[in-house]
Amino acid sequence: MCTSRVVVGRDDFSVRILKAFPVLRENIEAFMDSLCFSSPKYVSKYDLDIFTRLFWPWSHLVQVWTSLVGHPGYQKNGTFNTTIEALNEHRMTPGSYVFRISMSCNGYWSIGYVASDGKIVQVLCFGLPMIDYLYYGKQQGLYDYHFVHAETRRDDYTH
């Protein structure tokens, strides 16, 4: 996409990614904000590598990205502490959860959830797409409720 360059300007990369995924036209700024881990002005091979690990497979990159960052349980720029803060008021609702891109383990997702004993647990997700973790966690009763502005909602993965 960008030949052998290690770093590409954000605007140049935007033009190139739109050629590969024209459907991004309406959301290109949000997409680029999600992609630019190292700098708001540039996209590096490192950024692209991490991004594709998070939102794989490449053939469904836009669909996966749209689904995950648009999910009410997604924490943009979340940290360990913000996850604890977000879930603290939901300790009485086991299965409440949020998820975020891990800040300590690049290229992986982290899910924070309220366990049946009311404790807040955070786990790193390895080896599966994030949507699979959410689905399997729901099946096991771990991730039942995401919340929007302190209102809990039950997830529905039937679509």
Protein backbone atom coordinates (compact mmCIF):
# COMPACT_ATOMS: atom_id res chain seq x y z
CA MET A 1 0.00 0.00 0.00
CA CYS A 2 2.81 2.42 0.86
CA THR A 3 5.78 0.69 -0.79
CA SER A 4 8.76 0.23 1.49
CA ARG A 5 8.45 3.40 3.57
CA VAL A 6 8.47 2.95 7.33
CA VAL A 7 6.49 6.13 8.05
CA VAL A 8 3.86 7.79 5.86
CA GLY A 9 2.13 11.11 6.41
CA ARG A 10 -1.42 10.83 7.71
CA ASP A 11 -2.92 12.60 4.68
CA ASP A 12 -1.00 10.42 2.22
CA PHE A 13 -2.06 7.29 4.07
CA SER A 14 -5.70 8.46 4.14
CA VAL A 15 -5.72 8.74 0.36
CA ARG A 16 -4.22 5.27 -0.02
CA ILE A 17 -6.50 3.54 2.50
CA LEU A 18 -9.55 5.10 0.82
CA LYS A 19 -8.47 3.49 -2.45
CA ALA A 20 -8.43 0.10 -0.71
CA PHE A 21 -11.60 0.74 1.34
CA PRO A 22 -13.75 3.45 -0.30
CA VAL A 23 -16.54 2.75 2.21
CA LEU A 24 -14.43 4.58 4.82
CA ARG A 25 -14.96 7.96 3.15
CA GLU A 26 -17.55 9.14 5.71
CA ASN A 27 -15.55 7.93 8.72
CA ILE A 28 -11.98 8.48 7.61
CA GLU A 29 -11.06 10.87 10.45
CA ALA A 30 -12.34 8.50 13.15
CA PHE A 31 -10.60 5.61 11.40
CA MET A 32 -7.32 7.50 11.27
CA ASP A 33 -7.65 8.49 14.94
CA SER A 34 -7.94 4.79 15.79
CA LEU A 35 -4.96 3.92 13.59
CA CYS A 36 -2.40 6.56 14.58
CA PHE A 37 -0.93 5.12 17.79
CA SER A 38 2.50 6.78 17.50
CA SER A 39 1.72 10.23 16.15
CA PRO A 40 -1.35 12.16 15.04
CA LYS A 41 0.53 13.27 11.90
CA TYR A 42 2.01 10.00 10.67
CA VAL A 43 1.21 6.32 10.21
CA SER A 44 4.08 3.91 10.76
CA LYS A 45 4.47 0.24 9.90
CA TYR A 46 4.28 -0.31 13.65
CA ASP A 47 0.88 1.45 13.82
CA LEU A 48 -0.45 -0.52 10.87
CA ASP A 49 0.81 -3.81 12.30
CA ILE A 50 -0.89 -3.21 15.66
CA PHE A 51 -4.07 -1.97 14.02
CA THR A 52 -4.40 -5.01 11.76
CA ARG A 53 -3.79 -7.33 14.74
CA LEU A 54 -6.63 -5.64 16.60
CA PHE A 55 -9.14 -5.45 13.76
CA TRP A 56 -8.28 -8.51 11.65
CA PRO A 57 -8.91 -10.10 9.22
CA TRP A 58 -7.81 -7.56 6.61
CA SER A 59 -10.64 -8.55 4.27
CA HIS A 60 -13.16 -7.42 6.92
CA LEU A 61 -11.06 -4.67 8.52
CA VAL A 62 -13.61 -1.88 8.12
CA GLN A 63 -16.55 -4.00 9.24
CA VAL A 64 -14.70 -5.23 12.34
CA TRP A 65 -13.42 -1.74 13.18
CA THR A 66 -16.91 -0.23 12.80
CA SER A 67 -18.49 -2.93 14.96
CA LEU A 68 -15.96 -2.72 17.77
CA VAL A 69 -15.39 1.03 18.08
CA GLY A 70 -19.13 1.62 17.70
CA HIS A 71 -19.97 -0.89 20.44
CA PRO A 72 -21.29 0.78 23.62
CA GLY A 73 -18.84 -1.23 25.75
CA TYR A 74 -15.78 0.11 23.88
CA GLN A 75 -13.54 2.47 25.86
CA LYS A 76 -11.56 4.73 23.56
CA ASN A 77 -8.18 5.48 25.15
CA GLY A 78 -9.13 3.39 28.17
CA THR A 79 -6.61 2.33 30.78
CA PHE A 80 -6.55 -0.14 33.65
CA ASN A 81 -7.69 2.61 36.02
CA THR A 82 -10.46 4.00 33.78
CA THR A 83 -11.82 0.48 33.41
CA ILE A 84 -11.98 0.11 37.21
CA GLU A 85 -13.67 3.53 37.48
CA ALA A 86 -16.21 2.70 34.77
CA LEU A 87 -17.16 -0.63 36.31
CA ASN A 88 -17.05 0.41 39.96
CA GLU A 89 -20.64 1.68 39.96
CA HIS A 90 -21.80 -1.60 38.38
CA ARG A 91 -20.38 -3.97 41.02
CA MET A 92 -23.91 -5.12 41.85
CA THR A 93 -24.48 -6.21 38.23
CA PRO A 94 -22.24 -9.22 37.54
CA GLY A 95 -21.57 -9.57 33.83
CA SER A 96 -21.18 -5.81 33.30
CA TYR A 97 -18.16 -5.16 31.12
CA VAL A 98 -16.16 -2.75 29.00
CA PHE A 99 -13.32 -3.45 26.60
CA ARG A 100 -10.41 -1.44 25.31
CA ILE A 101 -7.16 -1.64 23.41
CA SER A 102 -4.50 -2.64 25.94
CA MET A 103 -2.05 0.14 26.75
CA SER A 104 0.45 -2.22 28.38
CA CYS A 105 0.41 -5.05 25.83
CA ASN A 106 0.44 -3.54 22.35
CA GLY A 107 -1.66 -5.28 19.74
CA TYR A 108 -4.07 -6.89 22.20
CA TRP A 109 -7.47 -6.18 23.66
CA SER A 110 -8.37 -6.02 27.33
CA ILE A 111 -11.79 -6.77 28.79
CA GLY A 112 -12.82 -5.61 32.24
CA TYR A 113 -15.89 -7.20 33.79
CA VAL A 114 -17.72 -7.59 37.08
CA ALA A 115 -17.42 -11.17 38.32
CA SER A 116 -20.19 -12.99 40.21
CA ASP A 117 -18.57 -12.01 43.54
CA GLY A 118 -18.63 -8.30 42.60
CA LYS A 119 -14.89 -8.06 41.97
CA ILE A 120 -13.66 -6.29 38.87
CA VAL A 121 -11.50 -8.54 36.72
CA GLN A 122 -9.42 -7.48 33.74
CA VAL A 123 -8.10 -9.94 31.18
CA LEU A 124 -5.94 -9.69 28.07
CA CYS A 125 -7.27 -11.34 24.93
CA PHE A 126 -4.85 -13.47 22.92
CA GLY A 127 -5.34 -15.49 19.74
CA LEU A 128 -8.96 -14.83 18.80
CA PRO A 129 -10.75 -11.88 17.25
CA MET A 130 -12.29 -9.59 19.88
CA ILE A 131 -15.84 -10.30 18.73
CA ASP A 132 -15.23 -14.00 19.46
CA TYR A 133 -14.09 -13.16 23.00
CA LEU A 134 -17.26 -11.14 23.54
CA TYR A 135 -19.42 -13.92 22.13
CA TYR A 136 -17.78 -16.72 24.15
CA GLY A 137 -17.77 -14.57 27.29
CA LYS A 138 -21.48 -14.00 26.83
CA GLN A 139 -22.06 -17.75 26.46
CA GLN A 140 -20.20 -18.32 29.73
CA GLY A 141 -22.13 -15.55 31.50
CA LEU A 142 -19.05 -13.37 31.99
CA TYR A 143 -19.93 -10.50 29.65
CA ASP A 144 -23.68 -9.99 29.71
CA TYR A 145 -24.14 -6.24 30.09
CA HIS A 146 -22.41 -3.33 28.48
CA PHE A 147 -23.54 0.04 29.68
CA VAL A 148 -24.34 3.37 28.11
CA HIS A 149 -24.20 6.39 30.39
CA ALA A 150 -24.67 4.26 33.51
CA GLU A 151 -27.63 2.38 32.01
CA THR A 152 -26.96 -1.34 31.67
CA ARG A 153 -28.08 -3.12 28.52
CA ARG A 154 -28.06 -6.83 27.76
CA ASP A 155 -26.04 -7.74 24.67
CA ASP A 156 -27.63 -9.45 21.71
CA TYR A 157 -25.31 -11.42 19.42
CA THR A 158 -28.06 -13.07 17.40
CA HIS A 159 -27.45 -10.96 14.26
